[in-house]
Amino acid sequence: MNITILDDYQNFVRTLACFSKVTGHHVTIWNDYTKNVEVLADRLKDTEALVLIRERTPITADLLRRLKKLRVISQYGQYPHIDVEACSSNGVILSARMGSSRTPSYATAELNWGLTIAALRHIPQENYSTKAGKWQTSPIGTVMRGKTLGVYAYGEIGTVVAGYGKAFGMNVLVWGRETSLTNARKDGYAVAASREAFFEQSDIVSLHIPLLPDTRGIITAADLARAKPTALLVNTSRAGIIGPGVLAAALRAGRPAMAAVDVFEEEPVGLNDPLLAMDNVICTPHLGYVERNQLESMFSAMFDQVLAYAGGNPINVVNPKVLDVGQPKN
């Protein structure tokens, strides 16, 4: 079977132990990025199984119509970048393994905490400054102990981050849906009296909100205007949970004072993104889940989905109506 893997930026897929699962199949791996439909259609013209790395490439109806040989798309996690209806109408199975609720993304939680420390102590700036022969050039840093860590959404990752905050001697304050608040109370954490109080009282606002239709733009300009003028906002979730341009405008206005972000409105991020030009923002290129153990787990599951299809028994099928009518191709 012809298998294609897109967007392997760091050329890591062939180094994974689970890559041996697809031995005997013809595997093509692309290490660059494009969302140009013409280019993608040419690259994928012989592809029967397409393996995607999270939401890196949009799979649109226009693209799917051109892929006459495509039979199955293998995805791990949410799939807002895939036109599921177009998959069905073009006879393409979408197999998507969802993450286990029992296993949080420790990789993302650890990166979140690394960004927090780096921002508060100006580590990236001082690293560059020291290598340039300068000494202690950044503003004075801030310790975490005794400060209030605001965790927005006490789910899988938010729970872990709250635990890190407690270990560092912080006061943890939680906001989110009722389930988040109930679970936080059970675990002994304080719950904000209101959404407004959450932003007003937090020294660090740590966002762990999944990007869904009803959470897009959930963090508004009014929310950030309530932040302390000394506050730090950390986002390792998705950029879309904050309204377009809202974070940059808020930082220019001085509330919050700083941000550390691993996610952007357009990825890979272009040099025209205003956050990249701000001295009070630390940026990383969506590294939250990019860690060897987690990638082994993800690709093992995605290869299993491809092999299940090849064996005639597709698993984790999002659009089962394709199975009912077969897989007609135009």
Protein backbone atom coordinates (compact mmCIF):
# COMPACT_ATOMS: atom_id res chain seq x y z
CA MET A 1 0.00 0.00 0.00
CA ASN A 2 1.19 3.54 -0.78
CA ILE A 3 1.37 5.47 2.50
CA THR A 4 2.22 9.17 2.69
CA ILE A 5 3.13 11.12 5.82
CA LEU A 6 3.01 14.92 5.66
CA ASP A 7 4.77 17.63 7.63
CA ASP A 8 7.55 15.67 9.32
CA TYR A 9 9.39 18.95 9.97
CA GLN A 10 12.13 17.42 12.14
CA ASN A 11 12.57 14.27 10.04
CA PHE A 12 11.83 12.05 13.02
CA VAL A 13 9.23 9.54 11.80
CA ARG A 14 11.72 6.99 10.42
CA THR A 15 13.59 7.07 13.77
CA LEU A 16 10.54 5.90 15.73
CA ALA A 17 10.48 2.28 16.87
CA CYS A 18 6.88 1.95 15.65
CA PHE A 19 7.93 2.78 12.08
CA SER A 20 8.74 -0.92 11.71
CA LYS A 21 4.98 -1.56 11.71
CA VAL A 22 4.72 -0.33 8.12
CA THR A 23 7.65 -2.38 6.83
CA GLY A 24 6.70 -3.85 3.47
CA HIS A 25 4.57 -0.86 2.47
CA HIS A 26 5.74 1.98 0.26
CA VAL A 27 6.08 4.99 2.56
CA THR A 28 6.69 8.54 1.35
CA ILE A 29 7.49 11.23 3.92
CA TRP A 30 7.46 14.98 3.26
CA ASN A 31 9.54 17.14 5.59
CA ASP A 32 8.43 20.58 4.40
CA TYR A 33 5.05 22.29 4.68
CA THR A 34 2.56 23.46 2.10
CA LYS A 35 -1.16 24.02 2.04
CA ASN A 36 -1.19 24.71 -1.70
CA VAL A 37 -3.85 22.39 -3.07
CA GLU A 38 -2.14 21.97 -6.45
CA VAL A 39 1.14 20.98 -4.82
CA LEU A 40 -0.55 18.63 -2.36
CA ALA A 41 -2.64 17.01 -5.08
CA ASP A 42 0.51 16.25 -7.05
CA ARG A 43 2.36 14.91 -4.02
CA LEU A 44 -0.56 12.71 -2.98
CA LYS A 45 -1.75 11.53 -6.40
CA ASP A 46 -0.70 7.91 -5.76
CA THR A 47 -1.45 7.88 -2.03
CA GLU A 48 -3.82 5.23 -0.69
CA ALA A 49 -3.29 5.91 3.03
CA LEU A 50 -2.55 9.40 4.33
CA VAL A 51 -1.06 9.77 7.81
CA LEU A 52 -1.38 13.24 9.34
CA ILE A 53 0.49 14.88 12.19
CA ARG A 54 -2.22 16.57 14.23
CA GLU A 55 -3.71 19.63 12.50
CA ARG A 56 -0.70 20.68 10.46
CA THR A 57 -2.27 20.42 6.98
CA PRO A 58 -5.89 21.27 6.08
CA ILE A 59 -7.59 18.45 4.18
CA THR A 60 -10.25 20.26 2.17
CA ALA A 61 -13.03 19.17 -0.16
CA ASP A 62 -11.10 20.64 -3.09
CA LEU A 63 -8.06 18.52 -2.27
CA LEU A 64 -10.04 15.34 -1.60
CA ARG A 65 -11.78 15.54 -4.97
CA ARG A 66 -8.39 15.34 -6.67
CA LEU A 67 -7.08 12.33 -4.76
CA LYS A 68 -8.54 9.48 -6.81
CA LYS A 69 -6.54 6.73 -5.11
CA LEU A 70 -6.93 7.84 -1.51
CA ARG A 71 -8.77 5.28 0.64
CA VAL A 72 -8.05 6.13 4.28
CA ILE A 73 -6.81 9.05 6.37
CA SER A 74 -5.20 8.16 9.70
CA GLN A 75 -5.31 10.86 12.35
CA TYR A 76 -4.63 11.08 16.09
CA GLY A 77 -6.77 13.42 18.16
CA GLN A 78 -9.25 16.08 17.08
CA TYR A 79 -9.72 16.74 13.36
CA PRO A 80 -11.05 20.29 12.78
CA HIS A 81 -8.70 20.56 9.78
CA ILE A 82 -10.37 17.67 7.92
CA ASP A 83 -13.59 18.04 5.91
CA VAL A 84 -15.33 14.90 7.14
CA GLU A 85 -18.33 15.27 4.84
CA ALA A 86 -16.00 15.55 1.86
CA CYS A 87 -14.19 12.43 3.03
CA SER A 88 -17.50 10.57 3.02
CA SER A 89 -18.65 11.87 -0.35
CA ASN A 90 -15.32 10.89 -1.89
CA GLY A 91 -15.30 7.45 -0.33
CA VAL A 92 -12.42 8.11 2.06
CA ILE A 93 -12.42 6.56 5.53
CA LEU A 94 -11.28 8.83 8.34
CA SER A 95 -9.80 6.83 11.21
CA ALA A 96 -9.05 9.03 14.23
CA ARG A 97 -7.84 7.68 17.54
CA MET A 98 -8.70 10.03 20.37
CA GLY A 99 -6.29 10.50 23.26
CA SER A 100 -6.90 8.54 26.43
CA SER A 101 -8.58 10.54 29.21
CA ARG A 102 -6.44 8.56 31.66
CA THR A 103 -3.16 9.78 30.17
CA PRO A 104 -2.68 13.56 30.11
CA SER A 105 -0.13 15.15 27.79
CA TYR A 106 2.69 15.50 30.28
CA ALA A 107 4.84 16.78 27.43
CA THR A 108 2.54 19.77 26.95
CA ALA A 109 2.22 20.39 30.69
CA GLU A 110 6.00 20.35 31.12
CA LEU A 111 6.52 22.72 28.19
CA ASN A 112 3.83 24.98 29.67
CA TRP A 113 5.78 25.12 32.92
CA GLY A 114 9.08 25.63 31.12
CA LEU A 115 7.60 28.61 29.28
CA THR A 116 6.30 30.01 32.56
CA ILE A 117 9.70 29.90 34.25
CA ALA A 118 11.47 31.17 31.14
CA ALA A 119 9.15 34.17 30.90
CA LEU A 120 9.24 35.12 34.57
CA ARG A 121 13.04 34.93 34.74
CA HIS A 122 13.71 36.22 31.20
CA ILE A 123 15.81 33.14 30.43
CA PRO A 124 15.82 33.38 26.60
CA GLN A 125 16.74 37.05 26.66
CA GLU A 126 19.53 36.54 29.19
CA ASN A 127 20.84 33.56 27.22
CA TYR A 128 21.28 35.67 24.09
CA SER A 129 22.62 38.59 26.10
CA THR A 130 25.22 36.50 27.91
CA LYS A 131 26.42 34.93 24.65
CA ALA A 132 26.79 38.44 23.27
CA GLY A 133 29.13 39.36 26.12
CA LYS A 134 26.62 41.31 28.18
CA TRP A 135 25.61 40.73 31.80
CA GLN A 136 22.17 40.91 33.46
CA THR A 137 20.45 43.13 30.92
CA SER A 138 16.78 42.13 31.40
CA PRO A 139 14.26 43.58 33.84
CA ILE A 140 14.32 42.01 37.30
CA GLY A 141 12.64 38.58 37.30
CA THR A 142 9.81 37.30 39.48
CA VAL A 143 9.50 34.16 41.63
CA MET A 144 6.42 31.97 41.51
CA ARG A 145 6.15 31.06 45.18
CA GLY A 146 3.26 32.87 46.82
CA LYS A 147 1.83 34.08 43.50
CA THR A 148 -1.57 33.08 42.10
CA LEU A 149 -1.60 30.59 39.24
CA GLY A 150 -4.85 30.90 37.31
CA VAL A 151 -5.71 27.65 35.51
CA TYR A 152 -8.45 28.10 32.91
CA ALA A 153 -9.95 24.66 32.23
CA TYR A 154 -9.15 22.02 34.83
CA GLY A 155 -8.97 19.08 32.44
CA GLU A 156 -6.19 16.60 31.66
CA ILE A 157 -3.39 19.13 31.19
CA GLY A 158 -4.78 21.81 33.50
CA THR A 159 -4.83 19.28 36.34
CA VAL A 160 -1.14 18.51 35.88
CA VAL A 161 -0.17 22.19 35.60
CA ALA A 162 -2.12 22.96 38.78
CA GLY A 163 -0.11 20.26 40.53
CA TYR A 164 3.14 21.84 39.36
CA GLY A 165 1.93 25.19 40.68
CA LYS A 166 1.18 23.69 44.07
CA ALA A 167 4.65 22.08 44.16
CA PHE A 168 6.19 25.51 43.54
CA GLY A 169 4.26 27.00 46.45
CA MET A 170 1.72 28.88 44.37
CA ASN A 171 -1.90 29.61 45.14
CA VAL A 172 -3.90 27.82 42.46
CA LEU A 173 -7.13 29.44 41.23
CA VAL A 174 -9.35 27.64 38.73
CA TRP A 175 -11.95 28.77 36.21
CA GLY A 176 -13.81 26.97 33.46
CA ARG A 177 -16.94 24.96 32.89
CA GLU A 178 -18.86 23.51 35.81
CA THR A 179 -17.09 20.17 35.45
CA SER A 180 -13.73 21.92 35.82
CA LEU A 181 -14.89 23.79 38.90
CA THR A 182 -16.36 20.69 40.53
CA ASN A 183 -13.22 18.64 39.94
CA ALA A 184 -10.98 21.45 41.16
CA ARG A 185 -12.94 21.74 44.38
CA LYS A 186 -12.68 17.98 44.91
CA ASP A 187 -8.91 18.24 44.56
CA GLY A 188 -8.73 21.05 47.09
CA TYR A 189 -8.12 23.99 44.77
CA ALA A 190 -9.76 27.39 45.01
CA VAL A 191 -12.35 28.34 42.41
CA ALA A 192 -12.70 31.93 41.27
CA ALA A 193 -15.86 33.73 42.36
CA SER A 194 -16.43 34.80 38.75
CA ARG A 195 -14.77 34.92 35.35
CA GLU A 196 -13.91 38.57 36.00
CA ALA A 197 -12.32 37.72 39.36
CA PHE A 198 -10.24 34.98 37.73
CA PHE A 199 -8.49 37.38 35.37
CA GLU A 200 -8.22 40.13 37.98
CA GLN A 201 -6.60 37.92 40.63
CA SER A 202 -4.26 35.71 38.60
CA ASP A 203 -0.55 36.53 38.42
CA ILE A 204 -0.18 33.85 35.77
CA VAL A 205 -3.08 32.94 33.47
CA SER A 206 -2.52 29.45 32.09
CA LEU A 207 -4.91 28.40 29.31
CA HIS A 208 -5.84 24.74 28.75
CA ILE A 209 -9.02 25.08 26.70
CA PRO A 210 -9.60 22.73 23.74
CA LEU A 211 -10.44 24.47 20.47
CA LEU A 212 -14.03 23.60 19.64
CA PRO A 213 -16.73 25.56 17.79
CA ASP A 214 -18.07 26.94 21.07
CA THR A 215 -14.63 27.83 22.50
CA ARG A 216 -13.24 29.69 19.49
CA GLY A 217 -12.54 33.25 20.64
CA ILE A 218 -13.68 32.46 24.19
CA ILE A 219 -10.88 34.64 25.62
CA THR A 220 -11.87 38.20 24.78
CA ALA A 221 -10.33 41.65 24.88
CA ALA A 222 -12.49 42.40 27.92
CA ASP A 223 -11.03 39.39 29.73
CA LEU A 224 -7.44 40.43 29.12
CA ALA A 225 -8.18 44.05 30.00
CA ARG A 226 -8.90 42.79 33.52
CA ALA A 227 -5.48 41.16 33.85
CA LYS A 228 -2.93 42.59 36.24
CA PRO A 229 -0.39 44.93 34.61
CA THR A 230 2.27 42.50 35.91
CA ALA A 231 0.53 39.31 34.76
CA LEU A 232 1.85 36.61 32.46
CA LEU A 233 -0.42 34.73 30.02
CA VAL A 234 0.67 31.25 28.90
CA ASN A 235 -1.04 29.50 25.99
CA THR A 236 -0.05 25.97 24.97
CA SER A 237 -3.59 25.06 23.86
CA ARG A 238 -4.65 26.68 20.58
CA ALA A 239 -4.37 30.26 19.39
CA GLY A 240 -8.00 30.21 18.25
CA ILE A 241 -9.32 30.22 21.82
CA ILE A 242 -8.26 33.89 21.91
CA GLY A 243 -9.97 36.27 19.51
CA PRO A 244 -7.91 37.21 16.42
CA GLY A 245 -5.40 39.92 17.23
CA VAL A 246 -6.69 40.21 20.81
CA LEU A 247 -3.51 39.07 22.56
CA ALA A 248 -1.19 41.38 20.64
CA ALA A 249 -3.47 44.35 21.29
CA ALA A 250 -3.73 43.51 24.98
CA LEU A 251 0.05 43.26 25.33
CA ARG A 252 0.47 46.65 23.67
CA ALA A 253 -2.03 48.05 26.16
CA GLY A 254 -0.03 46.60 29.05
CA ARG A 255 -2.50 44.02 30.35
CA PRO A 256 -1.11 41.41 30.65
CA ALA A 257 2.53 42.42 30.90
CA MET A 258 3.93 39.32 29.19
CA ALA A 259 2.94 36.24 27.24
CA ALA A 260 4.49 32.88 26.46
CA VAL A 261 2.87 31.09 23.54
CA ASP A 262 3.39 27.77 21.77
CA VAL A 263 0.50 28.22 19.33
CA PHE A 264 -0.38 30.74 16.62
CA GLU A 265 -3.33 31.79 14.50
CA GLU A 266 -1.44 30.59 11.40
CA GLU A 267 0.97 27.65 11.63
CA PRO A 268 3.77 27.48 10.73
CA VAL A 269 3.84 31.06 11.91
CA GLY A 270 4.83 33.76 9.43
CA LEU A 271 7.24 36.56 10.22
CA ASN A 272 4.36 39.04 9.97
CA ASP A 273 2.77 37.75 13.17
CA PRO A 274 3.01 40.70 15.60
CA LEU A 275 3.79 38.45 18.58
CA LEU A 276 7.17 37.58 17.07
CA ALA A 277 8.29 41.20 17.19
CA MET A 278 7.39 41.77 20.86
CA ASP A 279 10.16 41.71 23.47
CA ASN A 280 7.65 40.72 26.15
CA VAL A 281 6.58 37.52 24.37
CA ILE A 282 8.33 34.15 24.34
CA CYS A 283 7.42 32.05 21.31
CA THR A 284 7.93 28.36 20.56
CA PRO A 285 6.80 26.51 17.39
CA HIS A 286 3.95 24.32 18.74
CA LEU A 287 6.26 21.95 20.62
CA GLY A 288 3.72 20.92 23.25
CA TYR A 289 3.17 17.38 21.99
CA VAL A 290 6.46 17.11 20.09
CA GLU A 291 8.27 14.71 22.40
CA ARG A 292 9.57 11.23 21.53
CA ASN A 293 7.45 9.12 23.88
CA GLN A 294 4.26 10.92 22.91
CA LEU A 295 5.08 10.74 19.21
CA GLU A 296 5.79 7.00 19.52
CA SER A 297 2.34 6.54 21.02
CA MET A 298 0.64 8.72 18.40
CA PHE A 299 2.28 7.10 15.38
CA SER A 300 1.88 3.60 16.75
CA ALA A 301 -1.87 4.23 16.94
CA MET A 302 -1.99 5.82 13.49
CA PHE A 303 -0.03 2.99 11.88
CA ASP A 304 -2.37 0.51 13.58
CA GLN A 305 -5.29 2.31 11.91
CA VAL A 306 -3.64 2.04 8.50
CA LEU A 307 -2.88 -1.66 9.00
CA ALA A 308 -6.42 -2.33 10.22
CA TYR A 309 -7.74 -0.81 7.01
CA ALA A 310 -5.27 -2.84 4.93
CA GLY A 311 -6.49 -5.96 6.73
CA GLY A 312 -10.10 -5.20 5.87
CA ASN A 313 -11.23 -4.16 9.36
CA PRO A 314 -10.96 -0.37 9.75
CA ILE A 315 -10.94 0.93 13.32
CA ASN A 316 -11.78 4.26 15.00
CA VAL A 317 -13.85 5.23 11.98
CA VAL A 318 -15.31 8.73 12.23
CA ASN A 319 -17.53 8.44 9.14
CA PRO A 320 -18.95 4.89 9.23
CA LYS A 321 -21.44 5.59 6.45
CA VAL A 322 -18.53 5.13 4.05
CA LEU A 323 -18.37 1.51 5.18
CA ASP A 324 -22.07 1.04 4.46
CA VAL A 325 -21.85 2.17 0.85
CA GLY A 326 -18.36 1.03 0.02
CA GLN A 327 -15.71 3.42 -1.22
CA PRO A 328 -16.72 4.85 -4.57
CA LYS A 329 -14.10 7.03 -6.24
CA ASN A 330 -14.84 9.56 -8.92
